[in-house]
Amino acid sequence: MQTACVEALIGANLLAIGVVRDGMLLHTSPALARMFGLAQDAPSRPFAALIDERDRDLLAQALASQSEGVVGLRALHSDGSRFDAELSVTRAELPDGPALVV
């Protein structure tokens, strides 16, 4: 039931938002799914797999930081193309537990 609440919250948002826990992208908004070319019902996946390998250290630093911040990096579309993205990370207490909202 709690997972359905989180999915409804994300699905209602037009922004590209995802929920990351333990490095895994668990929930995606429709806008984030479109941005990366993911199926909306795709299973969870490592969030780092959506980031160009040259920028994965930047991603790891952003996800580990205790403060909110924004980082520019190169992301990977499902077709293999790369695009510039700006990622913000916020720690949040969601109905199903603590997570990072990206």
PDB file of N, CA and C in Angstrom:
ATOM      1  N   MET A   1       0.819  -1.196   0.000  1.00  0.00           N
ATOM      2  CA  MET A   1       0.000   0.000   0.000  1.00  0.00           C
ATOM      3  C   MET A   1       0.863   1.261   0.000  1.00  0.00           C
ATOM      4  N   GLN A   2       1.946   1.284   0.804  1.00  0.00           N
ATOM      5  CA  GLN A   2       2.801   2.462   0.865  1.00  0.00           C
ATOM      6  C   GLN A   2       3.474   2.721  -0.465  1.00  0.00           C
ATOM      7  N   THR A   3       3.906   1.668  -1.155  1.00  0.00           N
ATOM      8  CA  THR A   3       4.533   1.837  -2.455  1.00  0.00           C
ATOM      9  C   THR A   3       3.554   2.484  -3.426  1.00  0.00           C
ATOM     10  N   ALA A   4       2.296   2.117  -3.380  1.00  0.00           N
ATOM     11  CA  ALA A   4       1.283   2.713  -4.253  1.00  0.00           C
ATOM     12  C   ALA A   4       1.152   4.203  -3.969  1.00  0.00           C
ATOM     13  N   CYS A   5       1.262   4.604  -2.715  1.00  0.00           N
ATOM     14  CA  CYS A   5       1.188   6.025  -2.363  1.00  0.00           C
ATOM     15  C   CYS A   5       2.353   6.789  -2.982  1.00  0.00           C
ATOM     16  N   VAL A   6       3.550   6.221  -2.886  1.00  0.00           N
ATOM     17  CA  VAL A   6       4.735   6.873  -3.455  1.00  0.00           C
ATOM     18  C   VAL A   6       4.592   6.962  -4.967  1.00  0.00           C
ATOM     19  N   GLU A   7       4.148   5.892  -5.606  1.00  0.00           N
ATOM     20  CA  GLU A   7       3.984   5.901  -7.057  1.00  0.00           C
ATOM     21  C   GLU A   7       2.934   6.916  -7.493  1.00  0.00           C
ATOM     22  N   ALA A   8       1.859   7.056  -6.734  1.00  0.00           N
ATOM     23  CA  ALA A   8       0.829   8.043  -7.056  1.00  0.00           C
ATOM     24  C   ALA A   8       1.384   9.456  -6.913  1.00  0.00           C
ATOM     25  N   LEU A   9       2.179   9.696  -5.900  1.00  0.00           N
ATOM     26  CA  LEU A   9       2.791  11.005  -5.687  1.00  0.00           C
ATOM     27  C   LEU A   9       3.687  11.365  -6.864  1.00  0.00           C
ATOM     28  N   ILE A  10       4.512  10.445  -7.287  1.00  0.00           N
ATOM     29  CA  ILE A  10       5.440  10.696  -8.391  1.00  0.00           C
ATOM     30  C   ILE A  10       4.687  10.806  -9.711  1.00  0.00           C
ATOM     31  N   GLY A  11       3.715   9.940  -9.940  1.00  0.00           N
ATOM     32  CA  GLY A  11       2.972   9.940 -11.196  1.00  0.00           C
ATOM     33  C   GLY A  11       2.190  11.212 -11.427  1.00  0.00           C
ATOM     34  N   ALA A  12       1.801  11.893 -10.357  1.00  0.00           N
ATOM     35  CA  ALA A  12       1.023  13.123 -10.475  1.00  0.00           C
ATOM     36  C   ALA A  12       1.893  14.320 -10.829  1.00  0.00           C
ATOM     37  N   ASN A  13       3.186  14.174 -10.748  1.00  0.00           N
ATOM     38  CA  ASN A  13       4.092  15.290 -10.961  1.00  0.00           C
ATOM     39  C   ASN A  13       4.563  15.339 -12.410  1.00  0.00           C
ATOM     40  N   LEU A  14       4.619  16.513 -12.980  1.00  0.00           N
ATOM     41  CA  LEU A  14       5.077  16.664 -14.359  1.00  0.00           C
ATOM     42  C   LEU A  14       6.584  16.844 -14.452  1.00  0.00           C
ATOM     43  N   LEU A  15       7.258  16.967 -13.315  1.00  0.00           N
ATOM     44  CA  LEU A  15       8.704  17.110 -13.294  1.00  0.00           C
ATOM     45  C   LEU A  15       9.372  15.744 -13.394  1.00  0.00           C
ATOM     46  N   ALA A  16      10.622  15.756 -13.837  1.00  0.00           N
ATOM     47  CA  ALA A  16      11.397  14.518 -13.913  1.00  0.00           C
ATOM     48  C   ALA A  16      11.919  14.199 -12.517  1.00  0.00           C
ATOM     49  N   ILE A  17      11.224  13.315 -11.826  1.00  0.00           N
ATOM     50  CA  ILE A  17      11.545  12.979 -10.439  1.00  0.00           C
ATOM     51  C   ILE A  17      11.683  11.467 -10.314  1.00  0.00           C
ATOM     52  N   GLY A  18      12.667  11.070  -9.522  1.00  0.00           N
ATOM     53  CA  GLY A  18      12.840   9.655  -9.228  1.00  0.00           C
ATOM     54  C   GLY A  18      13.138   9.458  -7.754  1.00  0.00           C
ATOM     55  N   VAL A  19      12.893   8.259  -7.275  1.00  0.00           N
ATOM     56  CA  VAL A  19      13.203   7.899  -5.895  1.00  0.00           C
ATOM     57  C   VAL A  19      14.322   6.864  -5.938  1.00  0.00           C
ATOM     58  N   VAL A  20      15.402   7.182  -5.228  1.00  0.00           N
ATOM     59  CA  VAL A  20      16.566   6.306  -5.185  1.00  0.00           C
ATOM     60  C   VAL A  20      16.774   5.854  -3.744  1.00  0.00           C
ATOM     61  N   ARG A  21      16.968   4.569  -3.591  1.00  0.00           N
ATOM     62  CA  ARG A  21      17.275   4.007  -2.269  1.00  0.00           C
ATOM     63  C   ARG A  21      18.355   2.949  -2.487  1.00  0.00           C
ATOM     64  N   ASP A  22      19.424   3.044  -1.704  1.00  0.00           N
ATOM     65  CA  ASP A  22      20.543   2.092  -1.820  1.00  0.00           C
ATOM     66  C   ASP A  22      21.069   2.015  -3.248  1.00  0.00           C
ATOM     67  N   GLY A  23      21.103   3.165  -3.927  1.00  0.00           N
ATOM     68  CA  GLY A  23      21.631   3.231  -5.282  1.00  0.00           C
ATOM     69  C   GLY A  23      20.688   2.765  -6.373  1.00  0.00           C
ATOM     70  N   MET A  24      19.519   2.263  -5.992  1.00  0.00           N
ATOM     71  CA  MET A  24      18.570   1.743  -6.973  1.00  0.00           C
ATOM     72  C   MET A  24      17.481   2.776  -7.255  1.00  0.00           C
ATOM     73  N   LEU A  25      17.188   2.985  -8.527  1.00  0.00           N
ATOM     74  CA  LEU A  25      16.081   3.845  -8.934  1.00  0.00           C
ATOM     75  C   LEU A  25      14.812   3.018  -8.808  1.00  0.00           C
ATOM     76  N   LEU A  26      14.001   3.339  -7.792  1.00  0.00           N
ATOM     77  CA  LEU A  26      12.827   2.529  -7.479  1.00  0.00           C
ATOM     78  C   LEU A  26      11.549   3.030  -8.118  1.00  0.00           C
ATOM     79  N   HIS A  27      11.397   4.339  -8.223  1.00  0.00           N
ATOM     80  CA  HIS A  27      10.182   4.941  -8.760  1.00  0.00           C
ATOM     81  C   HIS A  27      10.593   6.059  -9.709  1.00  0.00           C
ATOM     82  N   THR A  28       9.854   6.207 -10.806  1.00  0.00           N
ATOM     83  CA  THR A  28      10.126   7.288 -11.757  1.00  0.00           C
ATOM     84  C   THR A  28       8.828   7.992 -12.115  1.00  0.00           C
ATOM     85  N   SER A  29       8.921   9.297 -12.253  1.00  0.00           N
ATOM     86  CA  SER A  29       7.771  10.037 -12.765  1.00  0.00           C
ATOM     87  C   SER A  29       7.697   9.795 -14.272  1.00  0.00           C
ATOM     88  N   PRO A  30       6.544  10.022 -14.874  1.00  0.00           N
ATOM     89  CA  PRO A  30       6.445   9.873 -16.324  1.00  0.00           C
ATOM     90  C   PRO A  30       7.475  10.736 -17.062  1.00  0.00           C
ATOM     91  N   ALA A  31       7.739  11.936 -16.555  1.00  0.00           N
ATOM     92  CA  ALA A  31       8.700  12.816 -17.211  1.00  0.00           C
ATOM     93  C   ALA A  31      10.115  12.242 -17.149  1.00  0.00           C
ATOM     94  N   LEU A  32      10.491  11.645 -16.032  1.00  0.00           N
ATOM     95  CA  LEU A  32      11.819  11.038 -15.924  1.00  0.00           C
ATOM     96  C   LEU A  32      11.919   9.823 -16.838  1.00  0.00           C
ATOM     97  N   ALA A  33      10.868   9.024 -16.891  1.00  0.00           N
ATOM     98  CA  ALA A  33      10.867   7.867 -17.786  1.00  0.00           C
ATOM     99  C   ALA A  33      11.039   8.316 -19.236  1.00  0.00           C
ATOM    100  N   ARG A  34      10.336   9.380 -19.628  1.00  0.00           N
ATOM    101  CA  ARG A  34      10.478   9.904 -20.998  1.00  0.00           C
ATOM    102  C   ARG A  34      11.890  10.412 -21.240  1.00  0.00           C
ATOM    103  N   MET A  35      12.453  11.111 -20.261  1.00  0.00           N
ATOM    104  CA  MET A  35      13.780  11.693 -20.417  1.00  0.00           C
ATOM    105  C   MET A  35      14.826  10.617 -20.723  1.00  0.00           C
ATOM    106  N   PHE A  36      14.736   9.496 -20.019  1.00  0.00           N
ATOM    107  CA  PHE A  36      15.717   8.430 -20.194  1.00  0.00           C
ATOM    108  C   PHE A  36      15.258   7.362 -21.188  1.00  0.00           C
ATOM    109  N   GLY A  37      14.036   7.478 -21.702  1.00  0.00           N
ATOM    110  CA  GLY A  37      13.527   6.491 -22.646  1.00  0.00           C
ATOM    111  C   GLY A  37      13.210   5.167 -21.979  1.00  0.00           C
ATOM    112  N   LEU A  38      12.745   5.220 -20.740  1.00  0.00           N
ATOM    113  CA  LEU A  38      12.421   4.018 -19.978  1.00  0.00           C
ATOM    114  C   LEU A  38      10.935   3.704 -20.083  1.00  0.00           C
ATOM    115  N   ALA A  39      10.603   2.440 -20.021  1.00  0.00           N
ATOM    116  CA  ALA A  39       9.203   2.057 -19.919  1.00  0.00           C
ATOM    117  C   ALA A  39       8.726   2.473 -18.533  1.00  0.00           C
ATOM    118  N   GLN A  40       7.540   3.044 -18.437  1.00  0.00           N
ATOM    119  CA  GLN A  40       7.027   3.525 -17.151  1.00  0.00           C
ATOM    120  C   GLN A  40       6.953   2.398 -16.125  1.00  0.00           C
ATOM    121  N   ASP A  41       6.688   1.187 -16.573  1.00  0.00           N
ATOM    122  CA  ASP A  41       6.580   0.062 -15.644  1.00  0.00           C
ATOM    123  C   ASP A  41       7.873  -0.751 -15.560  1.00  0.00           C
ATOM    124  N   ALA A  42       8.991  -0.152 -15.977  1.00  0.00           N
ATOM    125  CA  ALA A  42      10.279  -0.847 -15.941  1.00  0.00           C
ATOM    126  C   ALA A  42      10.654  -1.187 -14.499  1.00  0.00           C
ATOM    127  N   PRO A  43      11.301  -2.327 -14.297  1.00  0.00           N
ATOM    128  CA  PRO A  43      11.710  -2.689 -12.942  1.00  0.00           C
ATOM    129  C   PRO A  43      12.789  -1.743 -12.427  1.00  0.00           C
ATOM    130  N   SER A  44      12.992  -1.755 -11.125  1.00  0.00           N
ATOM    131  CA  SER A  44      14.025  -0.894 -10.554  1.00  0.00           C
ATOM    132  C   SER A  44      15.372  -1.261 -11.165  1.00  0.00           C
ATOM    133  N   ARG A  45      16.264  -0.296 -11.169  1.00  0.00           N
ATOM    134  CA  ARG A  45      17.579  -0.491 -11.778  1.00  0.00           C
ATOM    135  C   ARG A  45      18.587   0.370 -11.039  1.00  0.00           C
ATOM    136  N   PRO A  46      19.874   0.049 -11.149  1.00  0.00           N
ATOM    137  CA  PRO A  46      20.872   0.930 -10.535  1.00  0.00           C
ATOM    138  C   PRO A  46      20.806   2.308 -11.202  1.00  0.00           C
ATOM    139  N   PHE A  47      20.695   3.346 -10.394  1.00  0.00           N
ATOM    140  CA  PHE A  47      20.604   4.694 -10.942  1.00  0.00           C
ATOM    141  C   PHE A  47      21.871   5.045 -11.714  1.00  0.00           C
ATOM    142  N   ALA A  48      23.016   4.564 -11.248  1.00  0.00           N
ATOM    143  CA  ALA A  48      24.283   4.865 -11.917  1.00  0.00           C
ATOM    144  C   ALA A  48      24.304   4.369 -13.363  1.00  0.00           C
ATOM    145  N   ALA A  49      23.517   3.346 -13.680  1.00  0.00           N
ATOM    146  CA  ALA A  49      23.477   2.818 -15.048  1.00  0.00           C
ATOM    147  C   ALA A  49      22.890   3.827 -16.028  1.00  0.00           C
ATOM    148  N   LEU A  50      22.224   4.859 -15.519  1.00  0.00           N
ATOM    149  CA  LEU A  50      21.633   5.888 -16.378  1.00  0.00           C
ATOM    150  C   LEU A  50      22.552   7.092 -16.564  1.00  0.00           C
ATOM    151  N   ILE A  51      23.752   6.999 -15.992  1.00  0.00           N
ATOM    152  CA  ILE A  51      24.707   8.104 -16.042  1.00  0.00           C
ATOM    153  C   ILE A  51      25.952   7.649 -16.781  1.00  0.00           C
ATOM    154  N   ASP A  52      26.484   8.519 -17.648  1.00  0.00           N
ATOM    155  CA  ASP A  52      27.712   8.230 -18.378  1.00  0.00           C
ATOM    156  C   ASP A  52      28.791   7.811 -17.381  1.00  0.00           C
ATOM    157  N   GLU A  53      29.522   6.760 -17.727  1.00  0.00           N
ATOM    158  CA  GLU A  53      30.514   6.230 -16.781  1.00  0.00           C
ATOM    159  C   GLU A  53      31.552   7.271 -16.366  1.00  0.00           C
ATOM    160  N   ARG A  54      31.845   8.249 -17.210  1.00  0.00           N
ATOM    161  CA  ARG A  54      32.812   9.292 -16.854  1.00  0.00           C
ATOM    162  C   ARG A  54      32.295  10.207 -15.754  1.00  0.00           C
ATOM    163  N   ASP A  55      30.988  10.220 -15.527  1.00  0.00           N
ATOM    164  CA  ASP A  55      30.401  11.098 -14.511  1.00  0.00           C
ATOM    165  C   ASP A  55      29.836  10.341 -13.306  1.00  0.00           C
ATOM    166  N   ARG A  56      30.100   9.057 -13.229  1.00  0.00           N
ATOM    167  CA  ARG A  56      29.538   8.276 -12.117  1.00  0.00           C
ATOM    168  C   ARG A  56      30.142   8.656 -10.768  1.00  0.00           C
ATOM    169  N   ASP A  57      31.397   9.128 -10.757  1.00  0.00           N
ATOM    170  CA  ASP A  57      31.974   9.605  -9.494  1.00  0.00           C
ATOM    171  C   ASP A  57      31.223  10.841  -9.009  1.00  0.00           C
ATOM    172  N   LEU A  58      30.873  11.736  -9.939  1.00  0.00           N
ATOM    173  CA  LEU A  58      30.079  12.917  -9.576  1.00  0.00           C
ATOM    174  C   LEU A  58      28.738  12.494  -8.997  1.00  0.00           C
ATOM    175  N   LEU A  59      28.117  11.495  -9.613  1.00  0.00           N
ATOM    176  CA  LEU A  59      26.841  10.992  -9.124  1.00  0.00           C
ATOM    177  C   LEU A  59      26.993  10.428  -7.718  1.00  0.00           C
ATOM    178  N   ALA A  60      28.009   9.599  -7.517  1.00  0.00           N
ATOM    179  CA  ALA A  60      28.222   8.995  -6.198  1.00  0.00           C
ATOM    180  C   ALA A  60      28.412  10.064  -5.133  1.00  0.00           C
ATOM    181  N   GLN A  61      29.160  11.113  -5.448  1.00  0.00           N
ATOM    182  CA  GLN A  61      29.366  12.215  -4.495  1.00  0.00           C
ATOM    183  C   GLN A  61      28.050  12.919  -4.195  1.00  0.00           C
ATOM    184  N   ALA A  62      27.255  13.167  -5.222  1.00  0.00           N
ATOM    185  CA  ALA A  62      25.975  13.862  -5.027  1.00  0.00           C
ATOM    186  C   ALA A  62      25.028  13.022  -4.175  1.00  0.00           C
ATOM    187  N   LEU A  63      24.985  11.714  -4.417  1.00  0.00           N
ATOM    188  CA  LEU A  63      24.091  10.853  -3.663  1.00  0.00           C
ATOM    189  C   LEU A  63      24.553  10.679  -2.218  1.00  0.00           C
ATOM    190  N   ALA A  64      25.858  10.745  -1.980  1.00  0.00           N
ATOM    191  CA  ALA A  64      26.394  10.547  -0.630  1.00  0.00           C
ATOM    192  C   ALA A  64      26.400  11.830   0.196  1.00  0.00           C
ATOM    193  N   SER A  65      26.290  12.973  -0.458  1.00  0.00           N
ATOM    194  CA  SER A  65      26.362  14.246   0.248  1.00  0.00           C
ATOM    195  C   SER A  65      25.226  14.393   1.248  1.00  0.00           C
ATOM    196  N   GLN A  66      25.540  14.959   2.378  1.00  0.00           N
ATOM    197  CA  GLN A  66      24.520  15.197   3.402  1.00  0.00           C
ATOM    198  C   GLN A  66      23.755  16.490   3.145  1.00  0.00           C
ATOM    199  N   SER A  67      24.264  17.310   2.237  1.00  0.00           N
ATOM    200  CA  SER A  67      23.568  18.556   1.929  1.00  0.00           C
ATOM    201  C   SER A  67      22.930  18.456   0.553  1.00  0.00           C
ATOM    202  N   GLU A  68      21.884  19.238   0.372  1.00  0.00           N
ATOM    203  CA  GLU A  68      21.228  19.263  -0.935  1.00  0.00           C
ATOM    204  C   GLU A  68      22.134  19.991  -1.910  1.00  0.00           C
ATOM    205  N   GLY A  69      22.095  19.579  -3.135  1.00  0.00           N
ATOM    206  CA  GLY A  69      22.929  20.227  -4.124  1.00  0.00           C
ATOM    207  C   GLY A  69      22.485  19.888  -5.526  1.00  0.00           C
ATOM    208  N   VAL A  70      23.141  20.533  -6.462  1.00  0.00           N
ATOM    209  CA  VAL A  70      22.868  20.317  -7.876  1.00  0.00           C
ATOM    210  C   VAL A  70      24.191  20.018  -8.559  1.00  0.00           C
ATOM    211  N   VAL A  71      24.173  19.035  -9.441  1.00  0.00           N
ATOM    212  CA  VAL A  71      25.379  18.678 -10.177  1.00  0.00           C
ATOM    213  C   VAL A  71      25.013  18.500 -11.646  1.00  0.00           C
ATOM    214  N   GLY A  72      25.876  18.984 -12.515  1.00  0.00           N
ATOM    215  CA  GLY A  72      25.706  18.780 -13.947  1.00  0.00           C
ATOM    216  C   GLY A  72      26.462  17.539 -14.362  1.00  0.00           C
ATOM    217  N   LEU A  73      25.837  16.703 -15.169  1.00  0.00           N
ATOM    218  CA  LEU A  73      26.491  15.486 -15.630  1.00  0.00           C
ATOM    219  C   LEU A  73      25.903  15.037 -16.949  1.00  0.00           C
ATOM    220  N   ARG A  74      26.531  14.033 -17.540  1.00  0.00           N
ATOM    221  CA  ARG A  74      26.024  13.452 -18.789  1.00  0.00           C
ATOM    222  C   ARG A  74      25.227  12.204 -18.452  1.00  0.00           C
ATOM    223  N   ALA A  75      24.029  12.146 -18.966  1.00  0.00           N
ATOM    224  CA  ALA A  75      23.136  11.023 -18.719  1.00  0.00           C
ATOM    225  C   ALA A  75      23.031  10.172 -19.983  1.00  0.00           C
ATOM    226  N   LEU A  76      22.511   8.955 -19.810  1.00  0.00           N
ATOM    227  CA  LEU A  76      22.370   8.017 -20.921  1.00  0.00           C
ATOM    228  C   LEU A  76      20.903   7.734 -21.199  1.00  0.00           C
ATOM    229  N   HIS A  77      20.511   7.909 -22.431  1.00  0.00           N
ATOM    230  CA  HIS A  77      19.171   7.545 -22.883  1.00  0.00           C
ATOM    231  C   HIS A  77      19.175   6.054 -23.179  1.00  0.00           C
ATOM    232  N   SER A  78      18.018   5.416 -23.147  1.00  0.00           N
ATOM    233  CA  SER A  78      17.944   3.969 -23.390  1.00  0.00           C
ATOM    234  C   SER A  78      18.446   3.581 -24.780  1.00  0.00           C
ATOM    235  N   ASP A  79      18.448   4.525 -25.722  1.00  0.00           N
ATOM    236  CA  ASP A  79      18.960   4.222 -27.074  1.00  0.00           C
ATOM    237  C   ASP A  79      20.475   4.364 -27.161  1.00  0.00           C
ATOM    238  N   GLY A  80      21.123   4.682 -26.039  1.00  0.00           N
ATOM    239  CA  GLY A  80      22.579   4.799 -26.004  1.00  0.00           C
ATOM    240  C   GLY A  80      23.096   6.212 -26.194  1.00  0.00           C
ATOM    241  N   SER A  81      22.228   7.130 -26.588  1.00  0.00           N
ATOM    242  CA  SER A  81      22.681   8.508 -26.761  1.00  0.00           C
ATOM    243  C   SER A  81      22.914   9.160 -25.398  1.00  0.00           C
ATOM    244  N   ARG A  82      23.751  10.172 -25.399  1.00  0.00           N
ATOM    245  CA  ARG A  82      24.073  10.899 -24.175  1.00  0.00           C
ATOM    246  C   ARG A  82      23.458  12.289 -24.236  1.00  0.00           C
ATOM    247  N   PHE A  83      23.105  12.818 -23.067  1.00  0.00           N
ATOM    248  CA  PHE A  83      22.583  14.179 -23.008  1.00  0.00           C
ATOM    249  C   PHE A  83      23.009  14.811 -21.691  1.00  0.00           C
ATOM    250  N   ASP A  84      23.121  16.130 -21.710  1.00  0.00           N
ATOM    251  CA  ASP A  84      23.478  16.864 -20.498  1.00  0.00           C
ATOM    252  C   ASP A  84      22.266  16.946 -19.590  1.00  0.00           C
ATOM    253  N   ALA A  85      22.497  16.752 -18.307  1.00  0.00           N
ATOM    254  CA  ALA A  85      21.422  16.811 -17.326  1.00  0.00           C
ATOM    255  C   ALA A  85      21.916  17.532 -16.084  1.00  0.00           C
ATOM    256  N   GLU A  86      20.988  18.104 -15.377  1.00  0.00           N
ATOM    257  CA  GLU A  86      21.268  18.725 -14.095  1.00  0.00           C
ATOM    258  C   GLU A  86      20.504  17.928 -13.052  1.00  0.00           C
ATOM    259  N   LEU A  87      21.226  17.412 -12.078  1.00  0.00           N
ATOM    260  CA  LEU A  87      20.637  16.536 -11.076  1.00  0.00           C
ATOM    261  C   LEU A  87      20.658  17.224  -9.717  1.00  0.00           C
ATOM    262  N   SER A  88      19.506  17.265  -9.088  1.00  0.00           N
ATOM    263  CA  SER A  88      19.449  17.730  -7.703  1.00  0.00           C
ATOM    264  C   SER A  88      19.060  16.539  -6.843  1.00  0.00           C
ATOM    265  N   VAL A  89      19.582  16.513  -5.632  1.00  0.00           N
ATOM    266  CA  VAL A  89      19.348  15.401  -4.719  1.00  0.00           C
ATOM    267  C   VAL A  89      18.813  15.960  -3.412  1.00  0.00           C
ATOM    268  N   THR A  90      17.708  15.412  -2.954  1.00  0.00           N
ATOM    269  CA  THR A  90      17.099  15.817  -1.686  1.00  0.00           C
ATOM    270  C   THR A  90      16.808  14.567  -0.867  1.00  0.00           C
ATOM    271  N   ARG A  91      17.192  14.596   0.376  1.00  0.00           N
ATOM    272  CA  ARG A  91      16.853  13.493   1.293  1.00  0.00           C
ATOM    273  C   ARG A  91      15.417  13.695   1.752  1.00  0.00           C
ATOM    274  N   ALA A  92      14.657  12.608   1.771  1.00  0.00           N
ATOM    275  CA  ALA A  92      13.242  12.716   2.135  1.00  0.00           C
ATOM    276  C   ALA A  92      12.806  11.491   2.927  1.00  0.00           C
ATOM    277  N   GLU A  93      11.826  11.722   3.775  1.00  0.00           N
ATOM    278  CA  GLU A  93      11.184  10.622   4.492  1.00  0.00           C
ATOM    279  C   GLU A  93       9.858  10.371   3.773  1.00  0.00           C
ATOM    280  N   LEU A  94       9.787   9.290   3.031  1.00  0.00           N
ATOM    281  CA  LEU A  94       8.609   8.932   2.262  1.00  0.00           C
ATOM    282  C   LEU A  94       7.786   7.920   3.044  1.00  0.00           C
ATOM    283  N   PRO A  95       6.553   7.662   2.623  1.00  0.00           N
ATOM    284  CA  PRO A  95       5.709   6.708   3.359  1.00  0.00           C
ATOM    285  C   PRO A  95       6.342   5.327   3.542  1.00  0.00           C
ATOM    286  N   ASP A  96       7.187   4.926   2.593  1.00  0.00           N
ATOM    287  CA  ASP A  96       7.820   3.602   2.724  1.00  0.00           C
ATOM    288  C   ASP A  96       9.256   3.685   3.219  1.00  0.00           C
ATOM    289  N   GLY A  97       9.645   4.825   3.793  1.00  0.00           N
ATOM    290  CA  GLY A  97      10.957   4.961   4.417  1.00  0.00           C
ATOM    291  C   GLY A  97      11.806   6.060   3.810  1.00  0.00           C
ATOM    292  N   PRO A  98      12.999   6.262   4.372  1.00  0.00           N
ATOM    293  CA  PRO A  98      13.880   7.316   3.876  1.00  0.00           C
ATOM    294  C   PRO A  98      14.384   6.981   2.468  1.00  0.00           C
ATOM    295  N   ALA A  99      14.600   8.025   1.680  1.00  0.00           N
ATOM    296  CA  ALA A  99      15.069   7.841   0.314  1.00  0.00           C
ATOM    297  C   ALA A  99      15.677   9.147  -0.178  1.00  0.00           C
ATOM    298  N   LEU A 100      16.273   9.068  -1.328  1.00  0.00           N
ATOM    299  CA  LEU A 100      16.763  10.251  -2.030  1.00  0.00           C
ATOM    300  C   LEU A 100      15.782  10.547  -3.150  1.00  0.00           C
ATOM    301  N   VAL A 101      15.385  11.783  -3.269  1.00  0.00           N
ATOM    302  CA  VAL A 101      14.543  12.213  -4.372  1.00  0.00           C
ATOM    303  C   VAL A 101      15.447  12.974  -5.316  1.00  0.00           C
ATOM    304  N   VAL A 102      15.506  12.508  -6.563  1.00  0.00           N
ATOM    305  CA  VAL A 102      16.403  13.119  -7.555  1.00  0.00           C
ATOM    306  C   VAL A 102      15.584  13.744  -8.656  1.00  0.00           C
TER     307      VAL A 102
END
